[in-house]
Amino acid sequence: TFGSPLVGILLDRIGIRVTSIIVFVASALSYAILASASDLTLLFVSKIPTIFQAAFLVAQATAATTTGDNAALRAAALGRMTTAYTIGATIGPALGGYLAEQGDFYIGAKLAVVGSLLSGMLSLVFL
C-alpha cells in the first residue's frame, strides 16, 4: 500500500510501540468516520487515515526484532501472526455482513473502532 513505506520509516525512527499505536489509532479514526458517514464525501474521507494502516508491517517488525537470531522462533511467530490475520480477515467481514443484515449497517464499523482502540491500548501495555 501507499502507507507501507511511511510506516516503515516510522518504525525506524520512533520504534515499534509508538508506530503500533499510531497504526491502531488511525484505524479507529478511519472506522469512526465510516461509522458516522452520511454521504459519499465522508465515505471517501474515511479512507484518508488508512495511509497509516500497515499493522501487518508493524507485526512483522515486532516478530523479527523480538525473536533475535533464532530462525525457528521467528518462523513460529510469523506463522502465528499470519494465522491470526487470516482468521480475522475471514471472520471480520462475515460478522460485519451478519450484523448488517440485522438492521444496522454501521455496527461493524463501530465494533472495529472499539477493536482498534483496544489493540492500541494493548500495544501501549505489552510492546
Protein backbone atom coordinates (compact mmCIF):
# COMPACT_ATOMS: atom_id res chain seq x y z
CA THR A 1 0.00 0.00 0.00
CA PHE A 2 0.93 3.63 -0.23
CA GLY A 3 1.40 3.89 3.53
CA SER A 4 3.73 0.94 3.99
CA PRO A 5 6.92 2.92 3.22
CA LEU A 6 5.73 5.65 5.57
CA VAL A 7 5.06 3.14 8.35
CA GLY A 8 8.47 1.58 7.67
CA ILE A 9 10.12 4.97 8.18
CA LEU A 10 8.15 5.48 11.40
CA LEU A 11 9.27 2.05 12.62
CA ASP A 12 12.89 3.02 12.05
CA ARG A 13 12.59 6.48 13.59
CA ILE A 14 10.20 6.16 16.54
CA GLY A 15 10.06 2.43 17.20
CA ILE A 16 7.57 -0.40 17.24
CA ARG A 17 5.49 0.69 20.23
CA VAL A 18 4.65 4.22 19.08
CA THR A 19 4.20 3.15 15.45
CA SER A 20 1.84 0.38 16.51
CA ILE A 21 -0.24 2.86 18.49
CA ILE A 22 -0.33 5.27 15.51
CA VAL A 23 -1.47 2.46 13.23
CA PHE A 24 -4.32 1.42 15.53
CA VAL A 25 -5.45 4.99 16.26
CA ALA A 26 -5.50 5.69 12.51
CA SER A 27 -7.56 2.55 12.05
CA ALA A 28 -10.01 3.62 14.77
CA LEU A 29 -10.29 7.09 13.20
CA SER A 30 -10.98 5.60 9.79
CA TYR A 31 -13.70 3.33 11.14
CA ALA A 32 -15.19 6.12 13.26
CA ILE A 33 -15.56 8.35 10.20
CA LEU A 34 -17.01 5.42 8.27
CA ALA A 35 -19.49 4.68 11.08
CA SER A 36 -20.73 8.28 11.01
CA ALA A 37 -20.68 8.71 7.23
CA SER A 38 -23.93 10.12 5.95
CA ASP A 39 -22.81 10.93 2.43
CA LEU A 40 -20.35 9.84 -0.21
CA THR A 41 -17.83 12.54 0.71
CA LEU A 42 -17.40 11.19 4.26
CA LEU A 43 -17.10 7.70 2.87
CA PHE A 44 -14.08 8.83 0.85
CA VAL A 45 -12.70 10.91 3.74
CA SER A 46 -12.79 7.80 5.92
CA LYS A 47 -10.09 6.30 3.70
CA ILE A 48 -7.52 9.04 4.41
CA PRO A 49 -6.33 7.60 7.76
CA THR A 50 -5.80 4.23 6.09
CA ILE A 51 -2.48 5.60 4.85
CA PHE A 52 -1.19 4.51 8.26
CA GLN A 53 -2.93 1.12 8.30
CA ALA A 54 0.06 -1.12 7.84
CA ALA A 55 -0.33 -3.13 11.02
CA PHE A 56 0.95 -6.27 9.34
CA LEU A 57 4.27 -4.49 8.71
CA VAL A 58 4.46 -3.49 12.39
CA ALA A 59 3.69 -7.05 13.44
CA GLN A 60 6.40 -8.40 11.14
CA ALA A 61 8.91 -5.96 12.57
CA THR A 62 7.92 -6.97 16.08
CA ALA A 63 8.31 -10.66 15.29
CA ALA A 64 11.68 -10.06 13.64
CA THR A 65 13.12 -7.99 16.47
CA THR A 66 11.78 -9.93 19.44
CA THR A 67 12.94 -13.35 18.27
CA GLY A 68 16.57 -12.35 17.82
CA ASP A 69 18.68 -14.62 15.64
CA ASN A 70 16.61 -17.73 16.29
CA ALA A 71 15.14 -18.61 12.89
CA ALA A 72 12.78 -21.25 14.32
CA LEU A 73 11.27 -18.77 16.80
CA ARG A 74 10.90 -16.15 14.08
CA ALA A 75 9.19 -18.62 11.74
CA ALA A 76 6.82 -19.71 14.52
CA ALA A 77 5.99 -16.07 15.41
CA LEU A 78 5.36 -15.14 11.77
CA GLY A 79 3.22 -18.27 11.33
CA ARG A 80 1.06 -17.40 14.35
CA MET A 81 0.75 -13.80 13.14
CA THR A 82 -0.29 -14.88 9.65
CA THR A 83 -2.83 -17.30 11.11
CA ALA A 84 -4.32 -14.56 13.28
CA TYR A 85 -4.60 -12.16 10.34
CA THR A 86 -6.16 -14.85 8.16
CA ILE A 87 -8.75 -15.72 10.79
CA GLY A 88 -9.56 -12.03 11.29
CA ALA A 89 -9.82 -11.41 7.56
CA THR A 90 -12.24 -14.32 7.30
CA ILE A 91 -14.40 -13.77 10.37
CA GLY A 92 -14.48 -9.95 10.29
CA PRO A 93 -16.33 -9.46 7.01
CA ALA A 94 -18.66 -12.38 7.74
CA LEU A 95 -19.52 -10.93 11.15
CA GLY A 96 -19.97 -7.45 9.66
CA GLY A 97 -22.29 -8.82 6.98
CA TYR A 98 -24.31 -10.73 9.53
CA LEU A 99 -24.66 -7.70 11.79
CA ALA A 100 -25.64 -5.51 8.83
CA GLU A 101 -28.40 -7.98 7.98
CA GLN A 102 -29.76 -7.44 11.49
CA GLY A 103 -30.52 -3.82 10.59
CA ASP A 104 -27.53 -1.62 11.50
CA PHE A 105 -25.20 -1.16 8.56
CA TYR A 106 -22.73 0.77 10.71
CA ILE A 107 -22.37 -1.68 13.62
CA GLY A 108 -19.39 -3.41 12.01
CA ALA A 109 -17.51 -0.12 11.75
CA LYS A 110 -18.44 0.75 15.33
CA LEU A 111 -17.09 -2.58 16.57
CA ALA A 112 -13.94 -2.02 14.52
CA VAL A 113 -13.41 1.31 16.32
CA VAL A 114 -13.58 -0.48 19.68
CA GLY A 115 -11.28 -3.28 18.48
CA SER A 116 -8.75 -0.84 17.07
CA LEU A 117 -8.67 1.23 20.26
CA LEU A 118 -8.32 -1.95 22.33
CA SER A 119 -5.42 -3.04 20.12
CA GLY A 120 -3.77 0.35 20.59
CA MET A 121 -4.09 0.05 24.37
CA LEU A 122 -2.66 -3.48 24.28
CA SER A 123 0.26 -2.17 22.21
CA LEU A 124 0.86 0.51 24.83
CA VAL A 125 0.92 -2.06 27.62
CA PHE A 126 2.71 -5.01 26.02
CA LEU A 127 5.14 -3.57 23.48
